[in-house]
Amino acid sequence: MMQEPFKKLYISHSDGIYKYIFFMVNNKELAEDLTQETFFKAIKQFQTFRNEAAVTTWLKRIARNLVYDHYRKKRLIQFLPLTHKMDYQDDTQTPMEVVETGEEMVILYGALRKLKISHRETIVLRKIEGLSVKETAQFLECTEAKVKNNTVRAIAALQKILQEGGHDDGSFR
């Protein structure tokens, strides 16, 4: 039966899809729900996958469409505020470093949610997920020049938001 390939697909890609969705919605429960829905849709639409893109790209497109649909349905212009810190911690950090990192992440997420969606998505894909300009352009179905321009504009907008909040030391590039 086809269950085993989908189990492997889920195990291989669910963490990355969850992380992508979480950065877009900033809500743990919603990200979990949309991650599950992404894989449910992937199973239903598997026959439409034409191997023209990587499986990860295909799954992220499904996830992206679900995120956009969610905001369209809810008619939300602003993103939901961050209500949960990340659940994972690096065990090599001291307790004070964990607190400081958590505070920095809350500040960064707060600034990130103030960006318009195209800038937020570019930062998530390029700086948080680490995709190349080419990979980002393929995923967003736009030119590499647009990705480069959006990255520069998004970082400038993010730095401005951080500076206005008194939090930018110039380290975010």
C-alpha atoms as a PDB file:
ATOM      1  CA  MET A   1       0.000   0.000   0.000  1.00  0.00           C
ATOM      2  CA  MET A   2       1.063   3.657  -0.358  1.00  0.00           C
ATOM      3  CA  GLN A   3       1.127   4.259   3.400  1.00  0.00           C
ATOM      4  CA  GLU A   4       4.833   3.590   3.844  1.00  0.00           C
ATOM      5  CA  PRO A   5       6.068   6.194   1.303  1.00  0.00           C
ATOM      6  CA  PHE A   6       3.873   8.856   2.908  1.00  0.00           C
ATOM      7  CA  LYS A   7       5.107   7.908   6.360  1.00  0.00           C
ATOM      8  CA  LYS A   8       8.685   8.409   5.140  1.00  0.00           C
ATOM      9  CA  LEU A   9       7.685  11.669   3.445  1.00  0.00           C
ATOM     10  CA  TYR A  10       6.152  12.917   6.688  1.00  0.00           C
ATOM     11  CA  ILE A  11       9.111  11.855   8.819  1.00  0.00           C
ATOM     12  CA  SER A  12      11.577  13.472   6.404  1.00  0.00           C
ATOM     13  CA  HIS A  13       9.797  16.767   5.866  1.00  0.00           C
ATOM     14  CA  SER A  14       7.349  17.500   8.694  1.00  0.00           C
ATOM     15  CA  ASP A  15       9.824  19.393  10.896  1.00  0.00           C
ATOM     16  CA  GLY A  16      10.869  21.698   8.058  1.00  0.00           C
ATOM     17  CA  ILE A  17       7.271  22.325   6.974  1.00  0.00           C
ATOM     18  CA  TYR A  18       6.220  22.998  10.570  1.00  0.00           C
ATOM     19  CA  LYS A  19       9.092  25.452  11.045  1.00  0.00           C
ATOM     20  CA  TYR A  20       8.227  27.283   7.826  1.00  0.00           C
ATOM     21  CA  ILE A  21       4.540  27.542   8.785  1.00  0.00           C
ATOM     22  CA  PHE A  22       5.371  28.562  12.357  1.00  0.00           C
ATOM     23  CA  PHE A  23       7.518  31.461  11.134  1.00  0.00           C
ATOM     24  CA  MET A  24       4.640  32.558   8.912  1.00  0.00           C
ATOM     25  CA  VAL A  25       1.844  32.345  11.512  1.00  0.00           C
ATOM     26  CA  ASN A  26       3.676  32.647  14.859  1.00  0.00           C
ATOM     27  CA  ASN A  27       1.204  30.323  16.552  1.00  0.00           C
ATOM     28  CA  LYS A  28       2.178  26.816  17.662  1.00  0.00           C
ATOM     29  CA  GLU A  29      -1.267  25.205  17.507  1.00  0.00           C
ATOM     30  CA  LEU A  30      -2.131  26.783  14.160  1.00  0.00           C
ATOM     31  CA  ALA A  31       1.251  25.734  12.742  1.00  0.00           C
ATOM     32  CA  GLU A  32       0.632  22.157  13.921  1.00  0.00           C
ATOM     33  CA  ASP A  33      -2.827  22.133  12.328  1.00  0.00           C
ATOM     34  CA  LEU A  34      -1.591  23.596   9.045  1.00  0.00           C
ATOM     35  CA  THR A  35       1.322  21.146   8.970  1.00  0.00           C
ATOM     36  CA  GLN A  36      -1.083  18.228   9.295  1.00  0.00           C
ATOM     37  CA  GLU A  37      -3.320  19.748   6.634  1.00  0.00           C
ATOM     38  CA  THR A  38      -0.307  20.186   4.335  1.00  0.00           C
ATOM     39  CA  PHE A  39       0.456  16.474   4.449  1.00  0.00           C
ATOM     40  CA  PHE A  40      -3.208  15.546   4.141  1.00  0.00           C
ATOM     41  CA  LYS A  41      -3.416  17.651   0.959  1.00  0.00           C
ATOM     42  CA  ALA A  42      -0.136  16.188  -0.273  1.00  0.00           C
ATOM     43  CA  ILE A  43      -1.544  12.665   0.039  1.00  0.00           C
ATOM     44  CA  LYS A  44      -4.730  13.689  -1.769  1.00  0.00           C
ATOM     45  CA  GLN A  45      -2.842  15.565  -4.499  1.00  0.00           C
ATOM     46  CA  PHE A  46       0.115  13.227  -4.892  1.00  0.00           C
ATOM     47  CA  GLN A  47      -0.886  12.330  -8.439  1.00  0.00           C
ATOM     48  CA  THR A  48      -0.417  16.019  -9.390  1.00  0.00           C
ATOM     49  CA  PHE A  49       3.246  16.005  -8.296  1.00  0.00           C
ATOM     50  CA  ARG A  50       5.231  16.025 -11.532  1.00  0.00           C
ATOM     51  CA  ASN A  51       8.796  15.917 -10.127  1.00  0.00           C
ATOM     52  CA  GLU A  52       9.453  19.327 -11.711  1.00  0.00           C
ATOM     53  CA  ALA A  53      10.479  20.653  -8.307  1.00  0.00           C
ATOM     54  CA  ALA A  54      11.926  19.062  -5.208  1.00  0.00           C
ATOM     55  CA  VAL A  55       9.423  17.372  -2.886  1.00  0.00           C
ATOM     56  CA  THR A  56      10.304  19.943  -0.211  1.00  0.00           C
ATOM     57  CA  THR A  57       9.432  22.789  -2.572  1.00  0.00           C
ATOM     58  CA  TRP A  58       6.148  21.123  -3.506  1.00  0.00           C
ATOM     59  CA  LEU A  59       5.223  20.605   0.156  1.00  0.00           C
ATOM     60  CA  LYS A  60       6.173  24.202   1.039  1.00  0.00           C
ATOM     61  CA  ARG A  61       3.982  25.483  -1.784  1.00  0.00           C
ATOM     62  CA  ILE A  62       1.060  23.519  -0.368  1.00  0.00           C
ATOM     63  CA  ALA A  63       1.886  24.910   3.095  1.00  0.00           C
ATOM     64  CA  ARG A  64       2.220  28.450   1.713  1.00  0.00           C
ATOM     65  CA  ASN A  65      -1.168  28.220   0.014  1.00  0.00           C
ATOM     66  CA  LEU A  66      -2.740  26.991   3.250  1.00  0.00           C
ATOM     67  CA  VAL A  67      -1.209  29.892   5.197  1.00  0.00           C
ATOM     68  CA  TYR A  68      -2.451  32.406   2.615  1.00  0.00           C
ATOM     69  CA  ASP A  69      -5.887  30.744   2.588  1.00  0.00           C
ATOM     70  CA  HIS A  70      -6.005  30.935   6.372  1.00  0.00           C
ATOM     71  CA  TYR A  71      -5.363  34.680   6.336  1.00  0.00           C
ATOM     72  CA  ARG A  72      -7.784  35.236   3.484  1.00  0.00           C
ATOM     73  CA  LYS A  73     -10.519  33.331   5.333  1.00  0.00           C
ATOM     74  CA  LYS A  74      -9.888  35.199   8.534  1.00  0.00           C
ATOM     75  CA  ARG A  75      -9.387  38.484   6.687  1.00  0.00           C
ATOM     76  CA  LEU A  76      -6.378  39.105   8.862  1.00  0.00           C
ATOM     77  CA  ILE A  77      -4.147  41.914   7.734  1.00  0.00           C
ATOM     78  CA  GLN A  78      -1.718  41.671  10.616  1.00  0.00           C
ATOM     79  CA  PHE A  79      -0.132  38.434  11.700  1.00  0.00           C
ATOM     80  CA  LEU A  80      -1.041  36.911  15.028  1.00  0.00           C
ATOM     81  CA  PRO A  81       1.266  38.001  17.829  1.00  0.00           C
ATOM     82  CA  LEU A  82       3.827  35.557  19.091  1.00  0.00           C
ATOM     83  CA  THR A  83       2.420  33.870  22.158  1.00  0.00           C
ATOM     84  CA  HIS A  84       4.820  30.964  22.524  1.00  0.00           C
ATOM     85  CA  LYS A  85       8.577  30.841  22.619  1.00  0.00           C
ATOM     86  CA  MET A  86      10.309  28.128  20.673  1.00  0.00           C
ATOM     87  CA  ASP A  87       9.992  24.776  22.427  1.00  0.00           C
ATOM     88  CA  TYR A  88      13.483  23.560  21.793  1.00  0.00           C
ATOM     89  CA  GLN A  89      16.623  24.650  23.577  1.00  0.00           C
ATOM     90  CA  ASP A  90      20.310  24.064  23.056  1.00  0.00           C
ATOM     91  CA  ASP A  91      21.504  22.073  26.066  1.00  0.00           C
ATOM     92  CA  THR A  92      24.988  23.560  25.781  1.00  0.00           C
ATOM     93  CA  GLN A  93      23.748  27.030  26.728  1.00  0.00           C
ATOM     94  CA  THR A  94      23.825  28.362  30.253  1.00  0.00           C
ATOM     95  CA  PRO A  95      20.453  29.251  31.778  1.00  0.00           C
ATOM     96  CA  MET A  96      21.231  32.960  31.325  1.00  0.00           C
ATOM     97  CA  GLU A  97      22.106  32.412  27.659  1.00  0.00           C
ATOM     98  CA  VAL A  98      18.820  30.553  27.170  1.00  0.00           C
ATOM     99  CA  VAL A  99      16.898  33.479  28.681  1.00  0.00           C
ATOM    100  CA  GLU A 100      18.798  36.025  26.584  1.00  0.00           C
ATOM    101  CA  THR A 101      18.311  33.990  23.396  1.00  0.00           C
ATOM    102  CA  GLY A 102      14.605  33.610  24.164  1.00  0.00           C
ATOM    103  CA  GLU A 103      14.245  37.349  24.679  1.00  0.00           C
ATOM    104  CA  GLU A 104      16.114  38.069  21.448  1.00  0.00           C
ATOM    105  CA  MET A 105      13.865  35.658  19.547  1.00  0.00           C
ATOM    106  CA  VAL A 106      10.713  37.259  20.962  1.00  0.00           C
ATOM    107  CA  ILE A 107      12.015  40.677  19.852  1.00  0.00           C
ATOM    108  CA  LEU A 108      12.928  39.342  16.405  1.00  0.00           C
ATOM    109  CA  TYR A 109       9.550  37.589  15.938  1.00  0.00           C
ATOM    110  CA  GLY A 110       7.777  40.734  17.078  1.00  0.00           C
ATOM    111  CA  ALA A 111       9.637  42.776  14.477  1.00  0.00           C
ATOM    112  CA  LEU A 112       9.215  40.095  11.826  1.00  0.00           C
ATOM    113  CA  ARG A 113       5.434  40.029  12.203  1.00  0.00           C
ATOM    114  CA  LYS A 114       5.315  43.773  11.464  1.00  0.00           C
ATOM    115  CA  LEU A 115       6.749  43.245   7.986  1.00  0.00           C
ATOM    116  CA  LYS A 116       4.476  42.926   4.993  1.00  0.00           C
ATOM    117  CA  ILE A 117       3.989  39.305   3.995  1.00  0.00           C
ATOM    118  CA  SER A 118       6.274  39.346   0.930  1.00  0.00           C
ATOM    119  CA  HIS A 119       9.154  40.719   3.016  1.00  0.00           C
ATOM    120  CA  ARG A 120       8.469  38.335   5.881  1.00  0.00           C
ATOM    121  CA  GLU A 121       8.406  35.364   3.552  1.00  0.00           C
ATOM    122  CA  THR A 122      11.657  36.410   1.890  1.00  0.00           C
ATOM    123  CA  ILE A 123      13.410  36.718   5.263  1.00  0.00           C
ATOM    124  CA  VAL A 124      12.032  33.373   6.435  1.00  0.00           C
ATOM    125  CA  LEU A 125      13.155  31.592   3.279  1.00  0.00           C
ATOM    126  CA  ARG A 126      16.536  33.308   2.835  1.00  0.00           C
ATOM    127  CA  LYS A 127      17.768  34.038   6.347  1.00  0.00           C
ATOM    128  CA  ILE A 128      15.971  31.556   8.576  1.00  0.00           C
ATOM    129  CA  GLU A 129      15.590  28.558   6.250  1.00  0.00           C
ATOM    130  CA  GLY A 130      18.859  29.321   4.451  1.00  0.00           C
ATOM    131  CA  LEU A 131      17.641  28.933   0.869  1.00  0.00           C
ATOM    132  CA  SER A 132      19.767  30.402  -1.901  1.00  0.00           C
ATOM    133  CA  VAL A 133      18.531  33.289  -4.039  1.00  0.00           C
ATOM    134  CA  LYS A 134      17.873  30.825  -6.871  1.00  0.00           C
ATOM    135  CA  GLU A 135      15.958  28.387  -4.629  1.00  0.00           C
ATOM    136  CA  THR A 136      13.911  31.230  -3.157  1.00  0.00           C
ATOM    137  CA  ALA A 137      13.086  32.577  -6.623  1.00  0.00           C
ATOM    138  CA  GLN A 138      11.977  29.124  -7.758  1.00  0.00           C
ATOM    139  CA  PHE A 139       9.835  28.669  -4.662  1.00  0.00           C
ATOM    140  CA  LEU A 140       8.207  32.105  -4.916  1.00  0.00           C
ATOM    141  CA  GLU A 141       7.962  31.792  -8.701  1.00  0.00           C
ATOM    142  CA  CYS A 142       9.657  35.126  -9.317  1.00  0.00           C
ATOM    143  CA  THR A 143      12.983  36.401 -10.623  1.00  0.00           C
ATOM    144  CA  GLU A 144      16.231  36.222  -8.716  1.00  0.00           C
ATOM    145  CA  ALA A 145      16.460  40.026  -9.002  1.00  0.00           C
ATOM    146  CA  LYS A 146      13.119  40.359  -7.194  1.00  0.00           C
ATOM    147  CA  VAL A 147      14.341  38.045  -4.432  1.00  0.00           C
ATOM    148  CA  LYS A 148      17.531  40.105  -4.035  1.00  0.00           C
ATOM    149  CA  ASN A 149      15.551  43.367  -3.964  1.00  0.00           C
ATOM    150  CA  ASN A 150      12.997  41.982  -1.500  1.00  0.00           C
ATOM    151  CA  THR A 151      15.790  40.659   0.727  1.00  0.00           C
ATOM    152  CA  VAL A 152      17.509  44.048   0.863  1.00  0.00           C
ATOM    153  CA  ARG A 153      14.212  45.867   1.459  1.00  0.00           C
ATOM    154  CA  ALA A 154      13.034  43.328   4.032  1.00  0.00           C
ATOM    155  CA  ILE A 155      16.265  43.534   6.019  1.00  0.00           C
ATOM    156  CA  ALA A 156      16.166  47.345   5.894  1.00  0.00           C
ATOM    157  CA  ALA A 157      12.539  47.337   7.059  1.00  0.00           C
ATOM    158  CA  LEU A 158      13.323  44.826   9.806  1.00  0.00           C
ATOM    159  CA  GLN A 159      16.309  46.853  10.999  1.00  0.00           C
ATOM    160  CA  LYS A 160      14.164  49.999  11.045  1.00  0.00           C
ATOM    161  CA  ILE A 161      11.524  48.244  13.155  1.00  0.00           C
ATOM    162  CA  LEU A 162      14.215  46.948  15.525  1.00  0.00           C
ATOM    163  CA  GLN A 163      15.848  50.397  15.765  1.00  0.00           C
ATOM    164  CA  GLU A 164      12.514  52.067  16.486  1.00  0.00           C
ATOM    165  CA  GLY A 165      12.071  49.575  19.309  1.00  0.00           C
ATOM    166  CA  GLY A 166      15.594  50.284  20.567  1.00  0.00           C
ATOM    167  CA  HIS A 167      16.747  46.723  19.855  1.00  0.00           C
ATOM    168  CA  ASP A 168      18.990  46.821  16.795  1.00  0.00           C
ATOM    169  CA  ASP A 169      22.714  46.568  17.367  1.00  0.00           C
ATOM    170  CA  GLY A 170      23.262  46.221  13.617  1.00  0.00           C
ATOM    171  CA  SER A 171      23.922  42.481  13.818  1.00  0.00           C
ATOM    172  CA  PHE A 172      21.000  41.298  11.669  1.00  0.00           C
ATOM    173  CA  ARG A 173      22.087  41.174   8.025  1.00  0.00           C
END
